[in-house]
Amino acid sequence: MGDEQILVAGEAATGNDALAAIIAGDFDVVVLDLSLPDRSGLDVLAQVKASKPQLPVLILSVAPEEEFALRALHSGASGYLEKRSVPEQLVTAIKRLAQGKSYLSNEQAERLVLDADRQNSDRPHDLLSPREFEIFLMIAGGKPASRIAADLGLSVKTVNNHRTRILRKMSMKSNAELIRYAIQHQLIC
């Protein structure tokens, strides 16, 4: 990519549309929002990495990087950027990914190193698998099991099994406790 302009080769409004375009297209870098109307960006990321493992993906999110950057990177993202970042940072991040490098802002890298020490781990949500964390956030956001199942392409029974494991791992008894915890830890707005 070098110094030439960045060409936006496609856009999608939903996770399903993004996934279809990514699989059908030939892109150098994908910029993927974590908050999609029909499914989680982490779920789309997992499917992108399964079908095109070498494709660099930059996660763009309003979520605080302390909570999501590490999960995104562990799920295969090549970089993470908050939406409130300046546009020049986005251009820099895309160019780095196009060169085969990863991208985190200096502040993010510093915080992640500090968080890695803290996360060894007093926080129950760190015990969750990526899928469990995704479902936990959906439950905490007030989505019923039927909607979560439809959004993720799972059965309601599978979602309920995940909910049971989430409650057990987090030592909680109800969705209300999960919601309160998510709000207290700023995992949902």
Protein backbone atom coordinates (compact mmCIF):
# COMPACT_ATOMS: atom_id res chain seq x y z
CA MET A 1 0.00 0.00 0.00
CA GLY A 2 2.88 2.40 0.71
CA ASP A 3 1.95 6.08 0.42
CA GLU A 4 -0.83 5.78 -2.14
CA GLN A 5 -4.44 6.38 -1.17
CA ILE A 6 -6.49 3.79 0.62
CA LEU A 7 -9.25 2.41 -1.58
CA VAL A 8 -12.46 1.42 0.15
CA ALA A 9 -13.42 -1.65 -1.85
CA GLY A 10 -16.65 -2.49 -0.04
CA GLU A 11 -18.96 -1.76 2.85
CA ALA A 12 -21.52 -3.79 4.73
CA ALA A 13 -24.17 -2.84 7.29
CA THR A 14 -24.52 -6.24 8.96
CA GLY A 15 -22.26 -9.04 10.08
CA ASN A 16 -23.81 -11.47 7.60
CA ASP A 17 -23.33 -9.02 4.71
CA ALA A 18 -19.75 -8.31 5.80
CA LEU A 19 -18.92 -12.01 6.01
CA ALA A 20 -20.41 -12.71 2.58
CA ALA A 21 -18.48 -9.81 1.02
CA ILE A 22 -15.22 -10.79 2.72
CA ILE A 23 -15.47 -14.42 1.63
CA ALA A 24 -16.42 -13.48 -1.95
CA GLY A 25 -13.98 -10.60 -2.28
CA ASP A 26 -10.24 -10.09 -2.46
CA PHE A 27 -9.25 -7.54 0.18
CA ASP A 28 -5.87 -6.49 1.56
CA VAL A 29 -7.29 -5.45 4.95
CA VAL A 30 -10.69 -5.68 6.61
CA VAL A 31 -11.91 -3.05 9.09
CA LEU A 32 -14.56 -4.75 11.21
CA ASP A 33 -16.84 -3.14 13.78
CA LEU A 34 -17.44 -5.14 16.96
CA SER A 35 -21.01 -3.84 17.22
CA LEU A 36 -23.05 -5.15 14.34
CA PRO A 37 -26.84 -5.24 14.27
CA ASP A 38 -27.23 -8.94 13.55
CA ARG A 39 -24.25 -10.62 15.21
CA SER A 40 -21.10 -10.01 17.18
CA GLY A 41 -18.03 -8.71 15.41
CA LEU A 42 -16.00 -11.34 17.29
CA ASP A 43 -18.20 -14.04 15.76
CA VAL A 44 -17.66 -12.58 12.27
CA LEU A 45 -13.93 -12.33 13.00
CA ALA A 46 -13.79 -16.02 13.92
CA GLN A 47 -15.50 -16.97 10.67
CA VAL A 48 -13.25 -14.69 8.62
CA LYS A 49 -10.15 -16.21 10.20
CA ALA A 50 -11.51 -19.72 9.58
CA SER A 51 -12.01 -19.06 5.87
CA LYS A 52 -9.16 -16.58 5.22
CA PRO A 53 -6.62 -16.97 8.03
CA GLN A 54 -4.00 -14.71 6.40
CA LEU A 55 -6.38 -11.76 5.89
CA PRO A 56 -5.50 -8.96 8.35
CA VAL A 57 -8.49 -7.67 10.31
CA LEU A 58 -8.56 -4.36 12.18
CA ILE A 59 -11.24 -4.25 14.86
CA LEU A 60 -12.92 -0.89 15.25
CA SER A 61 -15.02 -0.43 18.37
CA VAL A 62 -16.58 1.99 20.82
CA ALA A 63 -15.83 -0.56 23.54
CA PRO A 64 -12.98 0.17 25.93
CA GLU A 65 -9.83 -1.52 24.71
CA GLU A 66 -9.00 -2.79 28.18
CA GLU A 67 -11.87 -5.25 27.89
CA PHE A 68 -11.98 -6.09 24.20
CA ALA A 69 -8.61 -5.54 22.53
CA LEU A 70 -7.02 -8.59 24.10
CA ARG A 71 -10.03 -10.78 23.24
CA ALA A 72 -10.02 -9.48 19.67
CA LEU A 73 -6.29 -10.16 19.30
CA HIS A 74 -6.65 -13.65 20.76
CA SER A 75 -9.48 -14.25 18.28
CA GLY A 76 -7.21 -13.44 15.33
CA ALA A 77 -7.45 -9.67 14.86
CA SER A 78 -4.27 -7.98 13.66
CA GLY A 79 -5.14 -4.69 15.31
CA TYR A 80 -7.63 -2.85 17.47
CA LEU A 81 -8.69 0.77 17.35
CA GLU A 82 -11.29 2.73 19.25
CA LYS A 83 -13.78 4.67 17.13
CA ARG A 84 -12.95 7.86 19.01
CA SER A 85 -9.38 7.73 17.68
CA VAL A 86 -8.27 10.37 15.24
CA PRO A 87 -8.68 9.55 11.52
CA GLU A 88 -4.91 9.59 11.01
CA GLN A 89 -4.63 6.67 13.43
CA LEU A 90 -7.06 4.68 11.29
CA VAL A 91 -4.99 5.34 8.17
CA THR A 92 -1.79 4.38 10.00
CA ALA A 93 -3.40 1.19 11.32
CA ILE A 94 -4.69 0.14 7.89
CA LYS A 95 -1.29 0.76 6.28
CA ARG A 96 0.51 -1.25 8.98
CA LEU A 97 -1.87 -4.19 8.53
CA ALA A 98 -1.46 -4.02 4.73
CA GLN A 99 2.31 -4.34 5.29
CA GLY A 100 1.79 -7.51 7.30
CA LYS A 101 2.29 -5.83 10.68
CA SER A 102 -0.05 -5.53 13.64
CA TYR A 103 -1.40 -2.35 15.16
CA LEU A 104 -2.10 -1.10 18.66
CA SER A 105 -1.74 2.49 19.76
CA ASN A 106 1.07 3.13 22.24
CA GLU A 107 -1.51 3.78 24.94
CA GLN A 108 -3.28 0.51 24.15
CA ALA A 109 -0.07 -1.50 24.20
CA GLU A 110 0.88 0.03 27.54
CA ARG A 111 -2.55 -0.62 29.05
CA LEU A 112 -2.64 -4.18 27.74
CA VAL A 113 0.69 -4.95 29.36
CA LEU A 114 -0.54 -3.50 32.65
CA ASP A 115 -3.90 -5.26 32.27
CA ALA A 116 -2.24 -8.60 31.58
CA ASP A 117 -0.83 -8.48 35.09
CA ARG A 118 -4.16 -7.45 36.58
CA GLN A 119 -6.12 -10.02 34.61
CA ASN A 120 -4.37 -13.01 36.05
CA SER A 121 -7.38 -12.90 37.13
CA ASP A 122 -9.66 -11.46 39.75
CA ARG A 123 -12.42 -10.78 37.24
CA PRO A 124 -14.89 -13.59 36.69
CA HIS A 125 -15.60 -12.64 33.07
CA ASP A 126 -11.97 -13.40 32.19
CA LEU A 127 -12.76 -17.08 32.84
CA LEU A 128 -15.24 -17.18 29.96
CA SER A 129 -14.43 -18.59 26.52
CA PRO A 130 -14.84 -16.17 23.59
CA ARG A 131 -18.28 -17.63 22.77
CA GLU A 132 -19.37 -17.52 26.40
CA PHE A 133 -18.19 -13.91 26.69
CA GLU A 134 -20.12 -13.01 23.55
CA ILE A 135 -23.30 -14.61 24.91
CA PHE A 136 -22.71 -13.04 28.33
CA LEU A 137 -22.63 -9.58 26.69
CA MET A 138 -25.81 -10.32 24.77
CA ILE A 139 -27.58 -11.48 27.93
CA ALA A 140 -26.28 -8.43 29.80
CA GLY A 141 -27.58 -6.28 26.94
CA GLY A 142 -31.06 -7.65 27.57
CA LYS A 143 -31.40 -10.00 24.61
CA PRO A 144 -33.61 -13.05 25.20
CA ALA A 145 -32.21 -16.53 24.49
CA SER A 146 -34.33 -16.87 21.35
CA ARG A 147 -32.86 -13.67 19.86
CA ILE A 148 -29.30 -14.66 20.84
CA ALA A 149 -29.85 -18.06 19.21
CA ALA A 150 -31.13 -16.45 16.01
CA ASP A 151 -28.28 -13.90 15.90
CA LEU A 152 -25.59 -16.53 16.41
CA GLY A 153 -27.14 -19.36 14.43
CA LEU A 154 -27.46 -21.56 17.50
CA SER A 155 -30.33 -23.42 19.09
CA VAL A 156 -32.05 -21.92 22.13
CA LYS A 157 -30.97 -25.02 24.07
CA THR A 158 -27.31 -24.32 23.20
CA VAL A 159 -27.65 -20.70 24.31
CA ASN A 160 -29.23 -21.84 27.58
CA ASN A 161 -26.38 -24.34 28.11
CA HIS A 162 -23.88 -21.51 27.60
CA ARG A 163 -25.86 -19.33 30.05
CA THR A 164 -25.68 -22.10 32.66
CA ARG A 165 -21.89 -22.37 32.23
CA ILE A 166 -21.51 -18.57 32.34
CA LEU A 167 -23.48 -18.35 35.59
CA ARG A 168 -21.46 -21.18 37.11
CA LYS A 169 -18.07 -19.79 36.03
CA MET A 170 -18.96 -16.33 37.30
CA SER A 171 -20.54 -17.66 40.53
CA MET A 172 -23.84 -15.94 39.80
CA LYS A 173 -27.44 -17.09 39.93
CA SER A 174 -29.44 -14.86 37.58
CA ASN A 175 -29.40 -12.67 34.50
CA ALA A 176 -29.93 -9.69 36.81
CA GLU A 177 -26.59 -10.41 38.49
CA LEU A 178 -24.92 -10.70 35.07
CA ILE A 179 -26.40 -7.36 33.99
CA ARG A 180 -25.33 -5.63 37.21
CA TYR A 181 -21.81 -7.06 36.87
CA ALA A 182 -21.55 -5.96 33.21
CA ILE A 183 -22.64 -2.42 34.09
CA GLN A 184 -20.26 -2.21 37.06
CA HIS A 185 -17.34 -3.34 34.90
CA GLN A 186 -18.37 -1.07 32.00
CA LEU A 187 -18.76 -4.00 29.61
CA ILE A 188 -22.04 -2.60 28.31
CA CYS A 189 -23.22 0.97 27.90
